[in-house]
Amino acid sequence: MKINTSFMAAAVATVGLMAAGAACAATVAKDSATGELRAPTAQEAQVLSQGTAGKTALKASAPRGLRTGTINPQPVKHADGTVEQELDESSLSYSVATRNADGSIDLHCVTGAEAADALLKGKKTAAKSSKAAAVKGHSHDSK
């Protein structure tokens, strides 16, 4: 099996940049009289944190379309009878590699981030392993 190291390096660099960006984040308020940026008062900080928590809860509870970002996308029926449905993150497929106690690696195909996280945390799921999938012609081999 051949592993593309440049892809791995890019992924690590991207994660590092995202972490650095989050570490540099600051919350500020704009003074209505002077227009200058300043530290928010305790009351302003509370209002801002409540707004952020509400947005986070909304994002977590309502599925968003992958293409348009529409919350809870509905099916669209076309004149010719076909139905179009924008998919959300729950329909994404993940390939997860896990290392066994003997050092071998199993590849799993799962649908949804929760199933992928469960595999990474060592929980059993209904994932297809690479050995079982090979029988059906499903393969993860790189060439």
Protein backbone atom coordinates (compact mmCIF):
# COMPACT_ATOMS: atom_id res chain seq x y z
CA MET A 1 0.00 0.00 0.00
CA LYS A 2 1.40 3.40 -1.00
CA ILE A 3 0.76 6.48 1.17
CA ASN A 4 0.82 9.97 -0.25
CA THR A 5 3.02 11.86 2.23
CA SER A 6 2.43 15.30 0.66
CA PHE A 7 -1.31 14.94 1.36
CA MET A 8 -0.55 14.00 4.97
CA ALA A 9 1.80 16.99 5.36
CA ALA A 10 -0.81 19.34 3.90
CA ALA A 11 -3.46 17.99 6.27
CA VAL A 12 -1.17 18.43 9.28
CA ALA A 13 -0.25 21.96 8.15
CA THR A 14 -3.91 22.87 7.69
CA VAL A 15 -4.84 21.61 11.15
CA GLY A 16 -1.90 23.54 12.60
CA LEU A 17 -3.01 26.76 10.90
CA MET A 18 -6.58 26.31 12.10
CA ALA A 19 -5.36 25.79 15.67
CA ALA A 20 -3.12 28.86 15.45
CA GLY A 21 -6.01 30.96 14.12
CA ALA A 22 -8.26 29.88 16.97
CA ALA A 23 -5.56 30.71 19.52
CA CYS A 24 -5.27 34.29 18.18
CA ALA A 25 -9.02 34.99 18.26
CA ALA A 26 -10.27 37.87 20.39
CA THR A 27 -13.70 39.23 21.26
CA VAL A 28 -14.02 43.00 20.96
CA ALA A 29 -16.77 45.61 21.01
CA LYS A 30 -16.99 48.79 18.97
CA ASP A 31 -17.45 51.94 21.03
CA SER A 32 -20.57 53.68 19.69
CA ALA A 33 -19.25 57.18 20.47
CA THR A 34 -15.67 56.95 19.19
CA GLY A 35 -15.87 53.99 16.80
CA GLU A 36 -12.78 52.49 18.44
CA LEU A 37 -12.46 48.79 19.23
CA ARG A 38 -12.32 47.97 22.94
CA ALA A 39 -12.76 45.07 25.35
CA PRO A 40 -16.46 44.28 25.84
CA THR A 41 -18.15 45.09 29.14
CA ALA A 42 -19.36 42.17 31.27
CA GLN A 43 -22.92 42.69 30.00
CA GLU A 44 -21.80 42.83 26.34
CA ALA A 45 -19.66 39.72 26.78
CA GLN A 46 -22.63 37.83 28.25
CA VAL A 47 -24.90 38.83 25.35
CA LEU A 48 -22.22 37.83 22.82
CA SER A 49 -21.65 34.44 24.45
CA GLN A 50 -25.40 33.72 24.53
CA GLY A 51 -25.64 34.55 20.83
CA THR A 52 -22.73 32.26 20.02
CA ALA A 53 -24.19 29.42 22.10
CA GLY A 54 -27.53 29.78 20.32
CA LYS A 55 -25.90 29.68 16.89
CA THR A 56 -23.82 26.66 17.88
CA ALA A 57 -26.91 24.82 19.12
CA LEU A 58 -28.77 25.65 15.90
CA LYS A 59 -25.89 24.39 13.76
CA ALA A 60 -25.69 21.17 15.77
CA SER A 61 -29.43 20.47 15.69
CA ALA A 62 -30.43 21.33 12.12
CA PRO A 63 -28.88 19.55 9.13
CA ARG A 64 -27.31 21.89 6.54
CA GLY A 65 -27.12 21.20 2.84
CA LEU A 66 -23.57 20.57 1.64
CA ARG A 67 -23.94 22.53 -1.60
CA THR A 68 -25.93 25.62 -0.58
CA GLY A 69 -25.74 25.58 3.22
CA THR A 70 -29.53 25.68 3.45
CA ILE A 71 -30.84 24.56 6.84
CA ASN A 72 -32.92 21.37 6.55
CA PRO A 73 -32.98 21.22 2.71
CA GLN A 74 -36.23 19.91 1.24
CA PRO A 75 -36.66 17.70 -1.86
CA VAL A 76 -37.37 19.51 -5.14
CA LYS A 77 -39.65 17.81 -7.66
CA HIS A 78 -38.93 18.72 -11.29
CA ALA A 79 -41.42 18.87 -14.18
CA ASP A 80 -40.08 15.61 -15.66
CA GLY A 81 -40.84 13.78 -12.38
CA THR A 82 -37.29 13.54 -11.05
CA VAL A 83 -36.69 14.48 -7.44
CA GLU A 84 -33.58 16.37 -6.34
CA GLN A 85 -32.42 16.23 -2.71
CA GLU A 86 -29.50 18.22 -1.39
CA LEU A 87 -27.56 16.01 1.04
CA ASP A 88 -26.22 17.01 4.44
CA GLU A 89 -23.15 15.87 6.40
CA SER A 90 -24.92 12.79 7.73
CA SER A 91 -24.71 11.26 4.24
CA LEU A 92 -20.92 11.63 3.85
CA SER A 93 -18.84 8.46 3.62
CA TYR A 94 -15.67 8.17 5.70
CA SER A 95 -12.74 5.80 5.26
CA VAL A 96 -11.19 5.11 8.66
CA ALA A 97 -7.97 3.17 9.28
CA THR A 98 -7.48 1.51 12.67
CA ARG A 99 -4.38 -0.26 13.95
CA ASN A 100 -4.91 -3.68 15.52
CA ALA A 101 -2.99 -5.03 18.53
CA ASP A 102 -0.77 -7.11 16.18
CA GLY A 103 0.23 -3.98 14.22
CA SER A 104 -1.91 -4.70 11.17
CA ILE A 105 -4.25 -2.02 9.85
CA ASP A 106 -7.94 -2.46 9.10
CA LEU A 107 -9.77 -0.07 6.80
CA HIS A 108 -13.43 0.66 7.46
CA CYS A 109 -16.10 2.43 5.39
CA VAL A 110 -18.76 4.22 7.44
CA THR A 111 -21.49 6.76 6.81
CA GLY A 112 -21.55 9.83 9.05
CA ALA A 113 -19.07 11.58 11.30
CA GLU A 114 -20.47 9.94 14.44
CA ALA A 115 -19.70 6.45 13.13
CA ALA A 116 -16.18 7.55 12.11
CA ASP A 117 -15.56 9.06 15.56
CA ALA A 118 -16.85 5.89 17.22
CA LEU A 119 -14.33 3.82 15.24
CA LEU A 120 -11.50 6.15 16.21
CA LYS A 121 -12.50 5.86 19.87
CA GLY A 122 -12.50 2.06 19.62
CA LYS A 123 -16.25 1.51 19.74
CA LYS A 124 -17.84 -1.20 17.61
CA THR A 125 -20.02 -0.05 14.70
CA ALA A 126 -21.68 -1.63 11.71
CA ALA A 127 -18.71 -0.57 9.57
CA LYS A 128 -17.50 -2.69 6.69
CA SER A 129 -13.89 -3.71 7.16
CA SER A 130 -11.55 -3.89 4.18
CA LYS A 131 -11.41 -7.69 4.47
CA ALA A 132 -15.19 -8.09 4.28
CA ALA A 133 -15.54 -5.42 1.60
CA ALA A 134 -12.89 -7.06 -0.61
CA VAL A 135 -15.26 -9.96 -1.16
CA LYS A 136 -17.80 -7.55 -2.66
CA GLY A 137 -15.19 -5.82 -4.85
CA HIS A 138 -14.83 -2.71 -2.67
CA SER A 139 -11.18 -1.70 -2.34
CA HIS A 140 -9.07 1.06 -0.77
CA ASP A 141 -5.78 0.10 -2.41
CA SER A 142 -3.80 3.04 -3.83
CA LYS A 143 -1.86 2.61 -7.03
